[in-house]
Amino acid sequence: MNIFILYGNDEFAITRRLKDFESDFADPTTAGMNTARFESRSMSDEEFNNALNAMPFLASKRLVILSNPSSKYNNPAARKKFEVYISKAPDSVKLVMHELIEPKEAEKHWLIKWAAKNDSLVKTQAFMLPKQRDMAGWIVNEVKKQDGKIEPPAAAKLAEMVGVDTRQAGMEISKLLAYVNWARPVQGSDVEAVCIVTSQQSVFDFVDALSQGNGKVAQRLLHRLLENEEAFSLWGMVVRQFRLILQAREILDGRGNKDDVARALGVHPFVAEKTTGQAGRFSIESLESIYRKLLGIDEMVKTSQITLDLALDTLIVELTK
């Protein structure tokens, strides 16, 4: 079985599973020469074909990772042609495709339906975000995976702060374990001292400055954040906040309020209140445009067309000009 499909709405879990595939090579020195990564929207069919059919170099198989196939194969004819093509992939390649799919869309998704009909060729793995009620348990398990311990009240407190954002939770757990130096269980006071309230409040202030067109303040807040946060961690927080604002705007347009936002998005009431206030300053059209910009920047960063620091500065200029 050489074709794998990873899907769901838990991007953190999907990313971790992809790293497992990348670590399968017996010799790390040849892993890079035997791995090809593609973003569907920006690849050519010729590039993809060459990667699938290239011979492995000092390894038993090559690894080809394909992101978001639906963005390129977006009509029945193209999808059918793609399905036939990948089903004939040579034994010398391991093809791993991954796509963000909401739970309610999974069963009817074209790629999942194709996999179900070809289960001798394809293995699927679903990675769905936990429910808010299960998040404390998820945190306890993640702390164990990171070789640490956490007290149940501390796990519950962190779950309140991060909602169901597993990526943010994973980053906060790493910071917490470093804070206690893996020498003792994480306590509630550690969560209050270390975790996202300070960084998240700064992200709220950053987004407030953007919404008000205040580029100078946004620049100052950005560089202050970069002094304390790793760039990719900060980028994830900014993208997450705009995603929450967009979802909150849709809830408000449907006559909802901040309590509805908290329930629907599975976030702490503090986060829901701030996000609801920010959503009121944007139209749904402007938020959709901003989110498209963020996706475009994310793709450019991942394909090394721009550095993340420069991308964040560019975002400020575009949104406050």
C-alpha atoms as a PDB file:
ATOM      1  CA  MET A   1       0.000   0.000   0.000  1.00  0.00           C
ATOM      2  CA  ASN A   2       1.766   3.126  -1.272  1.00  0.00           C
ATOM      3  CA  ILE A   3      -0.942   5.825  -1.143  1.00  0.00           C
ATOM      4  CA  PHE A   4      -1.977   7.532   2.079  1.00  0.00           C
ATOM      5  CA  ILE A   5      -4.623  10.220   2.633  1.00  0.00           C
ATOM      6  CA  LEU A   6      -4.525  12.267   5.834  1.00  0.00           C
ATOM      7  CA  TYR A   7      -7.603  14.402   6.395  1.00  0.00           C
ATOM      8  CA  GLY A   8      -9.559  16.260   9.036  1.00  0.00           C
ATOM      9  CA  ASN A   9      -9.655  19.648  10.732  1.00  0.00           C
ATOM     10  CA  ASP A  10      -6.793  19.054  13.174  1.00  0.00           C
ATOM     11  CA  GLU A  11      -3.881  20.600  11.274  1.00  0.00           C
ATOM     12  CA  PHE A  12      -1.508  20.049  14.212  1.00  0.00           C
ATOM     13  CA  ALA A  13      -2.110  16.290  14.216  1.00  0.00           C
ATOM     14  CA  ILE A  14      -1.802  16.064  10.435  1.00  0.00           C
ATOM     15  CA  THR A  15       1.514  17.935  10.510  1.00  0.00           C
ATOM     16  CA  ARG A  16       2.832  15.583  13.198  1.00  0.00           C
ATOM     17  CA  ARG A  17       1.829  12.535  11.144  1.00  0.00           C
ATOM     18  CA  LEU A  18       3.600  13.957   8.092  1.00  0.00           C
ATOM     19  CA  LYS A  19       6.782  14.219  10.157  1.00  0.00           C
ATOM     20  CA  ASP A  20       6.411  10.514  10.964  1.00  0.00           C
ATOM     21  CA  PHE A  21       6.485   9.721   7.249  1.00  0.00           C
ATOM     22  CA  GLU A  22       9.538  11.937   6.799  1.00  0.00           C
ATOM     23  CA  SER A  23      11.355  10.159   9.631  1.00  0.00           C
ATOM     24  CA  ASP A  24      10.807   6.714   8.108  1.00  0.00           C
ATOM     25  CA  PHE A  25      14.012   6.916   6.057  1.00  0.00           C
ATOM     26  CA  ALA A  26      16.709   4.690   7.512  1.00  0.00           C
ATOM     27  CA  ASP A  27      19.438   7.140   6.485  1.00  0.00           C
ATOM     28  CA  PRO A  28      18.617  10.797   7.342  1.00  0.00           C
ATOM     29  CA  THR A  29      21.356  12.039   5.023  1.00  0.00           C
ATOM     30  CA  THR A  30      19.485  10.821   1.933  1.00  0.00           C
ATOM     31  CA  ALA A  31      15.985  11.731   3.154  1.00  0.00           C
ATOM     32  CA  GLY A  32      16.018  15.161   1.517  1.00  0.00           C
ATOM     33  CA  MET A  33      17.081  13.734  -1.842  1.00  0.00           C
ATOM     34  CA  ASN A  34      14.188  11.258  -1.725  1.00  0.00           C
ATOM     35  CA  THR A  35      11.433  13.630  -0.581  1.00  0.00           C
ATOM     36  CA  ALA A  36       9.341  15.942  -2.744  1.00  0.00           C
ATOM     37  CA  ARG A  37       6.671  18.295  -1.375  1.00  0.00           C
ATOM     38  CA  PHE A  38       3.980  19.927  -3.479  1.00  0.00           C
ATOM     39  CA  GLU A  39       1.232  22.465  -2.876  1.00  0.00           C
ATOM     40  CA  SER A  40      -1.437  21.539  -5.419  1.00  0.00           C
ATOM     41  CA  ARG A  41      -2.344  25.077  -6.411  1.00  0.00           C
ATOM     42  CA  SER A  42       1.199  25.996  -7.439  1.00  0.00           C
ATOM     43  CA  MET A  43       2.547  22.778  -8.961  1.00  0.00           C
ATOM     44  CA  SER A  44       2.579  21.721 -12.590  1.00  0.00           C
ATOM     45  CA  ASP A  45       1.478  18.284 -13.734  1.00  0.00           C
ATOM     46  CA  GLU A  46       4.943  17.749 -15.203  1.00  0.00           C
ATOM     47  CA  GLU A  47       6.664  18.425 -11.856  1.00  0.00           C
ATOM     48  CA  PHE A  48       4.338  16.037 -10.068  1.00  0.00           C
ATOM     49  CA  ASN A  49       4.803  13.346 -12.727  1.00  0.00           C
ATOM     50  CA  ASN A  50       8.601  13.633 -12.538  1.00  0.00           C
ATOM     51  CA  ALA A  51       8.526  13.310  -8.732  1.00  0.00           C
ATOM     52  CA  LEU A  52       6.295  10.235  -8.811  1.00  0.00           C
ATOM     53  CA  ASN A  53       8.363   8.431 -11.393  1.00  0.00           C
ATOM     54  CA  ALA A  54      11.881   9.326 -10.255  1.00  0.00           C
ATOM     55  CA  MET A  55      13.946   6.433  -8.920  1.00  0.00           C
ATOM     56  CA  PRO A  56      14.892   6.441  -5.216  1.00  0.00           C
ATOM     57  CA  PHE A  57      18.486   7.368  -4.369  1.00  0.00           C
ATOM     58  CA  LEU A  58      20.101   4.872  -1.959  1.00  0.00           C
ATOM     59  CA  ALA A  59      16.671   4.111  -0.467  1.00  0.00           C
ATOM     60  CA  SER A  60      13.872   1.632  -1.056  1.00  0.00           C
ATOM     61  CA  LYS A  61      11.236   4.287  -1.760  1.00  0.00           C
ATOM     62  CA  ARG A  62      10.783   7.961  -2.488  1.00  0.00           C
ATOM     63  CA  LEU A  63       8.307  10.084  -0.515  1.00  0.00           C
ATOM     64  CA  VAL A  64       5.994  12.508  -2.316  1.00  0.00           C
ATOM     65  CA  ILE A  65       3.785  14.768  -0.169  1.00  0.00           C
ATOM     66  CA  LEU A  66       0.864  16.540  -1.835  1.00  0.00           C
ATOM     67  CA  SER A  67      -1.069  19.271  -0.025  1.00  0.00           C
ATOM     68  CA  ASN A  68      -4.708  20.179  -0.727  1.00  0.00           C
ATOM     69  CA  PRO A  69      -5.384  18.227  -3.951  1.00  0.00           C
ATOM     70  CA  SER A  70      -8.930  19.621  -4.127  1.00  0.00           C
ATOM     71  CA  SER A  71      -7.580  23.098  -4.837  1.00  0.00           C
ATOM     72  CA  LYS A  72      -6.156  21.913  -8.165  1.00  0.00           C
ATOM     73  CA  TYR A  73      -8.468  19.063  -9.075  1.00  0.00           C
ATOM     74  CA  ASN A  74     -11.706  20.980  -8.663  1.00  0.00           C
ATOM     75  CA  ASN A  75     -14.082  19.451 -11.199  1.00  0.00           C
ATOM     76  CA  PRO A  76     -15.287  15.880 -11.869  1.00  0.00           C
ATOM     77  CA  ALA A  77     -13.274  15.388 -15.063  1.00  0.00           C
ATOM     78  CA  ALA A  78      -9.994  16.558 -13.532  1.00  0.00           C
ATOM     79  CA  ARG A  79     -10.583  14.478 -10.411  1.00  0.00           C
ATOM     80  CA  LYS A  80     -11.327  11.336 -12.385  1.00  0.00           C
ATOM     81  CA  LYS A  81      -8.144  11.762 -14.434  1.00  0.00           C
ATOM     82  CA  PHE A  82      -6.129  12.371 -11.251  1.00  0.00           C
ATOM     83  CA  GLU A  83      -7.581   9.276  -9.542  1.00  0.00           C
ATOM     84  CA  VAL A  84      -6.674   7.056 -12.482  1.00  0.00           C
ATOM     85  CA  TYR A  85      -3.187   8.529 -12.622  1.00  0.00           C
ATOM     86  CA  ILE A  86      -2.247   8.114  -8.961  1.00  0.00           C
ATOM     87  CA  SER A  87      -3.684   4.584  -8.854  1.00  0.00           C
ATOM     88  CA  LYS A  88      -0.873   3.658 -11.253  1.00  0.00           C
ATOM     89  CA  ALA A  89       1.886   5.179  -9.120  1.00  0.00           C
ATOM     90  CA  PRO A  90       4.996   2.949  -9.134  1.00  0.00           C
ATOM     91  CA  ASP A  91       5.902   0.792  -6.133  1.00  0.00           C
ATOM     92  CA  SER A  92       9.061   2.853  -5.695  1.00  0.00           C
ATOM     93  CA  VAL A  93       7.112   5.861  -4.359  1.00  0.00           C
ATOM     94  CA  LYS A  94       5.073   6.495  -1.235  1.00  0.00           C
ATOM     95  CA  LEU A  95       2.441   9.163  -2.016  1.00  0.00           C
ATOM     96  CA  VAL A  96       1.002  10.998   0.987  1.00  0.00           C
ATOM     97  CA  MET A  97      -1.845  13.451   0.363  1.00  0.00           C
ATOM     98  CA  HIS A  98      -3.322  15.660   3.055  1.00  0.00           C
ATOM     99  CA  GLU A  99      -6.303  17.976   3.107  1.00  0.00           C
ATOM    100  CA  LEU A 100      -8.246  19.961   5.696  1.00  0.00           C
ATOM    101  CA  ILE A 101     -11.810  18.611   5.770  1.00  0.00           C
ATOM    102  CA  GLU A 102     -14.514  19.323   8.332  1.00  0.00           C
ATOM    103  CA  PRO A 103     -16.112  16.227   9.948  1.00  0.00           C
ATOM    104  CA  LYS A 104     -19.514  16.774   8.335  1.00  0.00           C
ATOM    105  CA  GLU A 105     -17.912  16.935   4.874  1.00  0.00           C
ATOM    106  CA  ALA A 106     -15.674  13.876   5.168  1.00  0.00           C
ATOM    107  CA  GLU A 107     -17.995  11.085   4.016  1.00  0.00           C
ATOM    108  CA  LYS A 108     -19.034  12.901   0.838  1.00  0.00           C
ATOM    109  CA  HIS A 109     -15.572  14.240  -0.033  1.00  0.00           C
ATOM    110  CA  TRP A 110     -14.484  13.000  -3.462  1.00  0.00           C
ATOM    111  CA  LEU A 111     -11.059  11.827  -2.326  1.00  0.00           C
ATOM    112  CA  ILE A 112     -12.401   9.898   0.661  1.00  0.00           C
ATOM    113  CA  LYS A 113     -15.077   8.268  -1.490  1.00  0.00           C
ATOM    114  CA  TRP A 114     -12.425   7.235  -4.017  1.00  0.00           C
ATOM    115  CA  ALA A 115     -10.243   5.798  -1.231  1.00  0.00           C
ATOM    116  CA  ALA A 116     -13.150   3.732   0.110  1.00  0.00           C
ATOM    117  CA  LYS A 117     -13.558   2.127  -3.316  1.00  0.00           C
ATOM    118  CA  ASN A 118      -9.827   1.433  -3.562  1.00  0.00           C
ATOM    119  CA  ASP A 119      -8.960   0.317  -0.044  1.00  0.00           C
ATOM    120  CA  SER A 120      -6.411  -2.175  -1.350  1.00  0.00           C
ATOM    121  CA  LEU A 121      -4.385   0.738  -2.738  1.00  0.00           C
ATOM    122  CA  VAL A 122      -5.110   3.534  -0.288  1.00  0.00           C
ATOM    123  CA  LYS A 123      -5.024   3.967   3.466  1.00  0.00           C
ATOM    124  CA  THR A 124      -6.900   6.905   5.007  1.00  0.00           C
ATOM    125  CA  GLN A 125      -6.360   8.442   8.428  1.00  0.00           C
ATOM    126  CA  ALA A 126      -8.734  10.968   9.982  1.00  0.00           C
ATOM    127  CA  PHE A 127      -7.507  13.683  12.361  1.00  0.00           C
ATOM    128  CA  MET A 128     -10.399  15.607  13.890  1.00  0.00           C
ATOM    129  CA  LEU A 129     -10.196  18.297  16.553  1.00  0.00           C
ATOM    130  CA  PRO A 130     -11.337  17.152  19.992  1.00  0.00           C
ATOM    131  CA  LYS A 131     -14.523  18.517  21.540  1.00  0.00           C
ATOM    132  CA  GLN A 132     -14.056  21.243  24.125  1.00  0.00           C
ATOM    133  CA  ARG A 133     -15.158  18.841  26.872  1.00  0.00           C
ATOM    134  CA  ASP A 134     -12.362  16.458  25.857  1.00  0.00           C
ATOM    135  CA  MET A 135      -9.624  19.060  25.551  1.00  0.00           C
ATOM    136  CA  ALA A 136      -8.259  18.709  29.090  1.00  0.00           C
ATOM    137  CA  GLY A 137      -7.754  14.986  28.497  1.00  0.00           C
ATOM    138  CA  TRP A 138      -6.087  15.755  25.168  1.00  0.00           C
ATOM    139  CA  ILE A 139      -3.690  18.107  26.969  1.00  0.00           C
ATOM    140  CA  VAL A 140      -2.805  15.447  29.567  1.00  0.00           C
ATOM    141  CA  ASN A 141      -1.965  12.991  26.770  1.00  0.00           C
ATOM    142  CA  GLU A 142       0.027  15.579  24.813  1.00  0.00           C
ATOM    143  CA  VAL A 143       2.060  16.435  27.920  1.00  0.00           C
ATOM    144  CA  LYS A 144       2.918  12.723  28.225  1.00  0.00           C
ATOM    145  CA  LYS A 145       3.992  12.659  24.563  1.00  0.00           C
ATOM    146  CA  GLN A 146       6.315  15.555  25.355  1.00  0.00           C
ATOM    147  CA  ASP A 147       7.757  13.569  28.313  1.00  0.00           C
ATOM    148  CA  GLY A 148       6.180  15.659  31.048  1.00  0.00           C
ATOM    149  CA  LYS A 149       3.396  15.672  33.619  1.00  0.00           C
ATOM    150  CA  ILE A 150       0.573  18.094  34.343  1.00  0.00           C
ATOM    151  CA  GLU A 151      -1.909  18.337  37.201  1.00  0.00           C
ATOM    152  CA  PRO A 152      -5.580  17.934  36.120  1.00  0.00           C
ATOM    153  CA  PRO A 153      -6.607  21.454  37.291  1.00  0.00           C
ATOM    154  CA  ALA A 154      -3.738  22.917  35.256  1.00  0.00           C
ATOM    155  CA  ALA A 155      -4.845  20.939  32.190  1.00  0.00           C
ATOM    156  CA  ALA A 156      -8.395  22.249  32.655  1.00  0.00           C
ATOM    157  CA  LYS A 157      -7.134  25.840  32.953  1.00  0.00           C
ATOM    158  CA  LEU A 158      -5.045  25.541  29.802  1.00  0.00           C
ATOM    159  CA  ALA A 159      -8.013  23.977  27.973  1.00  0.00           C
ATOM    160  CA  GLU A 160     -10.091  27.040  28.861  1.00  0.00           C
ATOM    161  CA  MET A 161      -7.423  29.322  27.422  1.00  0.00           C
ATOM    162  CA  VAL A 162      -6.797  27.559  24.112  1.00  0.00           C
ATOM    163  CA  GLY A 163     -10.250  26.166  23.316  1.00  0.00           C
ATOM    164  CA  VAL A 164      -9.821  23.351  20.786  1.00  0.00           C
ATOM    165  CA  ASP A 165      -6.774  24.862  19.089  1.00  0.00           C
ATOM    166  CA  THR A 166      -4.454  21.852  19.320  1.00  0.00           C
ATOM    167  CA  ARG A 167      -1.522  23.605  17.648  1.00  0.00           C
ATOM    168  CA  GLN A 168      -1.626  26.447  20.164  1.00  0.00           C
ATOM    169  CA  ALA A 169      -2.040  23.942  22.995  1.00  0.00           C
ATOM    170  CA  GLY A 170       1.000  21.988  21.794  1.00  0.00           C
ATOM    171  CA  MET A 171       3.135  25.137  21.726  1.00  0.00           C
ATOM    172  CA  GLU A 172       1.945  26.209  25.177  1.00  0.00           C
ATOM    173  CA  ILE A 173       2.726  22.747  26.572  1.00  0.00           C
ATOM    174  CA  SER A 174       6.276  22.979  25.198  1.00  0.00           C
ATOM    175  CA  LYS A 175       6.730  26.337  26.921  1.00  0.00           C
ATOM    176  CA  LEU A 176       5.287  25.032  30.186  1.00  0.00           C
ATOM    177  CA  LEU A 177       7.530  21.964  30.284  1.00  0.00           C
ATOM    178  CA  ALA A 178      10.574  24.106  29.580  1.00  0.00           C
ATOM    179  CA  TYR A 179       9.436  26.448  32.375  1.00  0.00           C
ATOM    180  CA  VAL A 180       9.348  23.619  34.933  1.00  0.00           C
ATOM    181  CA  ASN A 181      12.404  22.020  33.261  1.00  0.00           C
ATOM    182  CA  TRP A 182      10.556  18.664  33.130  1.00  0.00           C
ATOM    183  CA  ALA A 183      11.420  18.389  36.847  1.00  0.00           C
ATOM    184  CA  ARG A 184       7.879  18.405  38.269  1.00  0.00           C
ATOM    185  CA  PRO A 185       4.244  18.348  37.128  1.00  0.00           C
ATOM    186  CA  VAL A 186       2.889  21.562  35.600  1.00  0.00           C
ATOM    187  CA  GLN A 187       0.600  23.372  38.033  1.00  0.00           C
ATOM    188  CA  GLY A 188      -2.184  25.894  37.572  1.00  0.00           C
ATOM    189  CA  SER A 189       0.081  28.744  38.699  1.00  0.00           C
ATOM    190  CA  ASP A 190       2.534  27.809  35.935  1.00  0.00           C
ATOM    191  CA  VAL A 191      -0.223  28.095  33.338  1.00  0.00           C
ATOM    192  CA  GLU A 192      -1.145  31.541  34.630  1.00  0.00           C
ATOM    193  CA  ALA A 193       2.502  32.633  34.613  1.00  0.00           C
ATOM    194  CA  VAL A 194       3.570  31.291  31.232  1.00  0.00           C
ATOM    195  CA  CYS A 195       0.685  30.772  28.854  1.00  0.00           C
ATOM    196  CA  ILE A 196      -1.088  32.570  26.113  1.00  0.00           C
ATOM    197  CA  VAL A 197      -2.970  35.306  27.934  1.00  0.00           C
ATOM    198  CA  THR A 198      -0.036  37.726  27.603  1.00  0.00           C
ATOM    199  CA  SER A 199       0.813  36.750  24.017  1.00  0.00           C
ATOM    200  CA  GLN A 200      -2.806  36.486  23.007  1.00  0.00           C
ATOM    201  CA  GLN A 201      -3.624  39.881  24.484  1.00  0.00           C
ATOM    202  CA  SER A 202      -0.784  41.299  22.397  1.00  0.00           C
ATOM    203  CA  VAL A 203      -2.204  39.577  19.316  1.00  0.00           C
ATOM    204  CA  PHE A 204      -5.606  41.120  20.116  1.00  0.00           C
ATOM    205  CA  ASP A 205      -3.935  44.539  20.333  1.00  0.00           C
ATOM    206  CA  PHE A 206      -2.103  43.862  17.054  1.00  0.00           C
ATOM    207  CA  VAL A 207      -5.345  42.960  15.270  1.00  0.00           C
ATOM    208  CA  ASP A 208      -7.050  46.009  16.833  1.00  0.00           C
ATOM    209  CA  ALA A 209      -4.343  48.234  15.333  1.00  0.00           C
ATOM    210  CA  LEU A 210      -4.824  46.606  11.926  1.00  0.00           C
ATOM    211  CA  SER A 211      -8.601  47.083  12.095  1.00  0.00           C
ATOM    212  CA  GLN A 212      -8.085  50.777  12.881  1.00  0.00           C
ATOM    213  CA  GLY A 213      -5.588  51.260  10.051  1.00  0.00           C
ATOM    214  CA  ASN A 214      -2.852  52.205  12.504  1.00  0.00           C
ATOM    215  CA  GLY A 215       0.256  50.853  10.813  1.00  0.00           C
ATOM    216  CA  LYS A 216       2.762  52.406  13.235  1.00  0.00           C
ATOM    217  CA  VAL A 217       1.177  50.823  16.281  1.00  0.00           C
ATOM    218  CA  ALA A 218       0.802  47.485  14.455  1.00  0.00           C
ATOM    219  CA  GLN A 219       4.497  47.546  13.501  1.00  0.00           C
ATOM    220  CA  ARG A 220       5.547  48.309  17.083  1.00  0.00           C
ATOM    221  CA  LEU A 221       3.360  45.522  18.494  1.00  0.00           C
ATOM    222  CA  LEU A 222       4.583  43.074  15.856  1.00  0.00           C
ATOM    223  CA  HIS A 223       8.246  43.605  16.672  1.00  0.00           C
ATOM    224  CA  ARG A 224       7.545  43.451  20.394  1.00  0.00           C
ATOM    225  CA  LEU A 225       5.802  40.103  19.847  1.00  0.00           C
ATOM    226  CA  LEU A 226       8.691  38.807  17.731  1.00  0.00           C
ATOM    227  CA  GLU A 227      11.031  39.491  20.633  1.00  0.00           C
ATOM    228  CA  ASN A 228       9.121  36.952  22.734  1.00  0.00           C
ATOM    229  CA  GLU A 229       7.522  34.605  20.202  1.00  0.00           C
ATOM    230  CA  GLU A 230       9.009  32.438  17.470  1.00  0.00           C
ATOM    231  CA  ALA A 231       7.858  33.821  14.101  1.00  0.00           C
ATOM    232  CA  PHE A 232       5.920  30.719  13.029  1.00  0.00           C
ATOM    233  CA  SER A 233       4.221  30.525  16.415  1.00  0.00           C
ATOM    234  CA  LEU A 234       3.146  34.163  16.088  1.00  0.00           C
ATOM    235  CA  TRP A 235       1.992  33.607  12.513  1.00  0.00           C
ATOM    236  CA  GLY A 236      -0.193  30.723  13.661  1.00  0.00           C
ATOM    237  CA  MET A 237      -1.757  32.932  16.347  1.00  0.00           C
ATOM    238  CA  VAL A 238      -2.506  35.737  13.855  1.00  0.00           C
ATOM    239  CA  VAL A 239      -4.048  33.356  11.290  1.00  0.00           C
ATOM    240  CA  ARG A 240      -6.084  31.670  14.026  1.00  0.00           C
ATOM    241  CA  GLN A 241      -7.383  35.017  15.282  1.00  0.00           C
ATOM    242  CA  PHE A 242      -8.543  36.132  11.846  1.00  0.00           C
ATOM    243  CA  ARG A 243     -10.180  32.735  11.308  1.00  0.00           C
ATOM    244  CA  LEU A 244     -12.038  33.179  14.610  1.00  0.00           C
ATOM    245  CA  ILE A 245     -13.039  36.740  13.670  1.00  0.00           C
ATOM    246  CA  LEU A 246     -14.409  35.536  10.328  1.00  0.00           C
ATOM    247  CA  GLN A 247     -16.423  32.797  12.038  1.00  0.00           C
ATOM    248  CA  ALA A 248     -17.623  35.232  14.710  1.00  0.00           C
ATOM    249  CA  ARG A 249     -18.739  37.691  12.019  1.00  0.00           C
ATOM    250  CA  GLU A 250     -20.854  34.953  10.429  1.00  0.00           C
ATOM    251  CA  ILE A 251     -22.414  34.186  13.834  1.00  0.00           C
ATOM    252  CA  LEU A 252     -23.151  37.872  14.452  1.00  0.00           C
ATOM    253  CA  ASP A 253     -24.718  38.185  10.994  1.00  0.00           C
ATOM    254  CA  GLY A 254     -26.963  35.294  11.997  1.00  0.00           C
ATOM    255  CA  ARG A 255     -28.149  37.314  15.046  1.00  0.00           C
ATOM    256  CA  GLY A 256     -25.822  35.547  17.464  1.00  0.00           C
ATOM    257  CA  ASN A 257     -23.878  37.125  20.346  1.00  0.00           C
ATOM    258  CA  LYS A 258     -20.604  36.595  22.220  1.00  0.00           C
ATOM    259  CA  ASP A 259     -22.054  33.631  24.139  1.00  0.00           C
ATOM    260  CA  ASP A 260     -22.982  31.975  20.853  1.00  0.00           C
ATOM    261  CA  VAL A 261     -19.453  32.666  19.611  1.00  0.00           C
ATOM    262  CA  ALA A 262     -17.947  30.996  22.703  1.00  0.00           C
ATOM    263  CA  ARG A 263     -20.139  27.897  22.295  1.00  0.00           C
ATOM    264  CA  ALA A 264     -19.814  27.564  18.530  1.00  0.00           C
ATOM    265  CA  LEU A 265     -16.057  28.123  18.365  1.00  0.00           C
ATOM    266  CA  GLY A 266     -15.176  26.309  21.588  1.00  0.00           C
ATOM    267  CA  VAL A 267     -13.124  29.207  22.966  1.00  0.00           C
ATOM    268  CA  HIS A 268     -12.732  30.742  26.416  1.00  0.00           C
ATOM    269  CA  PRO A 269     -15.294  33.506  27.194  1.00  0.00           C
ATOM    270  CA  PHE A 270     -12.424  36.016  27.364  1.00  0.00           C
ATOM    271  CA  VAL A 271     -11.352  35.095  23.824  1.00  0.00           C
ATOM    272  CA  ALA A 272     -14.975  35.109  22.624  1.00  0.00           C
ATOM    273  CA  GLU A 273     -15.583  38.603  24.003  1.00  0.00           C
ATOM    274  CA  LYS A 274     -12.465  40.072  22.373  1.00  0.00           C
ATOM    275  CA  THR A 275     -13.093  38.267  19.091  1.00  0.00           C
ATOM    276  CA  THR A 276     -16.732  39.368  18.955  1.00  0.00           C
ATOM    277  CA  GLY A 277     -15.683  42.979  19.474  1.00  0.00           C
ATOM    278  CA  GLN A 278     -13.147  42.744  16.668  1.00  0.00           C
ATOM    279  CA  ALA A 279     -15.620  41.063  14.329  1.00  0.00           C
ATOM    280  CA  GLY A 280     -17.902  44.073  14.722  1.00  0.00           C
ATOM    281  CA  ARG A 281     -15.255  46.289  13.104  1.00  0.00           C
ATOM    282  CA  PHE A 282     -15.044  44.288   9.872  1.00  0.00           C
ATOM    283  CA  SER A 283     -17.493  43.424   7.139  1.00  0.00           C
ATOM    284  CA  ILE A 284     -17.752  39.792   6.089  1.00  0.00           C
ATOM    285  CA  GLU A 285     -16.387  40.779   2.656  1.00  0.00           C
ATOM    286  CA  SER A 286     -13.280  42.441   4.104  1.00  0.00           C
ATOM    287  CA  LEU A 287     -12.623  39.459   6.380  1.00  0.00           C
ATOM    288  CA  GLU A 288     -12.891  37.008   3.480  1.00  0.00           C
ATOM    289  CA  SER A 289     -10.440  39.170   1.520  1.00  0.00           C
ATOM    290  CA  ILE A 290      -7.994  39.282   4.459  1.00  0.00           C
ATOM    291  CA  TYR A 291      -8.213  35.532   4.967  1.00  0.00           C
ATOM    292  CA  ARG A 292      -7.424  34.961   1.290  1.00  0.00           C
ATOM    293  CA  LYS A 293      -4.380  37.219   1.713  1.00  0.00           C
ATOM    294  CA  LEU A 294      -3.270  35.152   4.719  1.00  0.00           C
ATOM    295  CA  LEU A 295      -3.600  31.903   2.766  1.00  0.00           C
ATOM    296  CA  GLY A 296      -1.610  33.415  -0.089  1.00  0.00           C
ATOM    297  CA  ILE A 297       1.153  34.560   2.260  1.00  0.00           C
ATOM    298  CA  ASP A 298       1.190  31.153   3.958  1.00  0.00           C
ATOM    299  CA  GLU A 299       1.717  29.452   0.605  1.00  0.00           C
ATOM    300  CA  MET A 300       4.502  31.886  -0.342  1.00  0.00           C
ATOM    301  CA  VAL A 301       6.284  31.291   2.961  1.00  0.00           C
ATOM    302  CA  LYS A 302       6.005  27.506   2.668  1.00  0.00           C
ATOM    303  CA  THR A 303       7.396  27.600  -0.865  1.00  0.00           C
ATOM    304  CA  SER A 304      10.270  29.909   0.228  1.00  0.00           C
ATOM    305  CA  GLN A 305       9.098  32.831  -1.925  1.00  0.00           C
ATOM    306  CA  ILE A 306       9.178  35.179   1.075  1.00  0.00           C
ATOM    307  CA  THR A 307      10.448  35.135   4.661  1.00  0.00           C
ATOM    308  CA  LEU A 308       7.859  35.111   7.424  1.00  0.00           C
ATOM    309  CA  ASP A 309       9.151  38.318   9.042  1.00  0.00           C
ATOM    310  CA  LEU A 310       8.858  40.150   5.729  1.00  0.00           C
ATOM    311  CA  ALA A 311       5.432  38.595   5.108  1.00  0.00           C
ATOM    312  CA  LEU A 312       4.130  39.948   8.430  1.00  0.00           C
ATOM    313  CA  ASP A 313       5.478  43.418   7.669  1.00  0.00           C
ATOM    314  CA  THR A 314       3.898  43.252   4.208  1.00  0.00           C
ATOM    315  CA  LEU A 315       0.568  42.258   5.732  1.00  0.00           C
ATOM    316  CA  ILE A 316       0.615  45.362   7.928  1.00  0.00           C
ATOM    317  CA  VAL A 317       1.295  47.608   4.949  1.00  0.00           C
ATOM    318  CA  GLU A 318      -1.489  46.022   2.868  1.00  0.00           C
ATOM    319  CA  LEU A 319      -4.100  46.217   5.629  1.00  0.00           C
ATOM    320  CA  THR A 320      -3.318  49.724   6.872  1.00  0.00           C
ATOM    321  CA  LYS A 321      -2.466  51.561   3.660  1.00  0.00           C
END
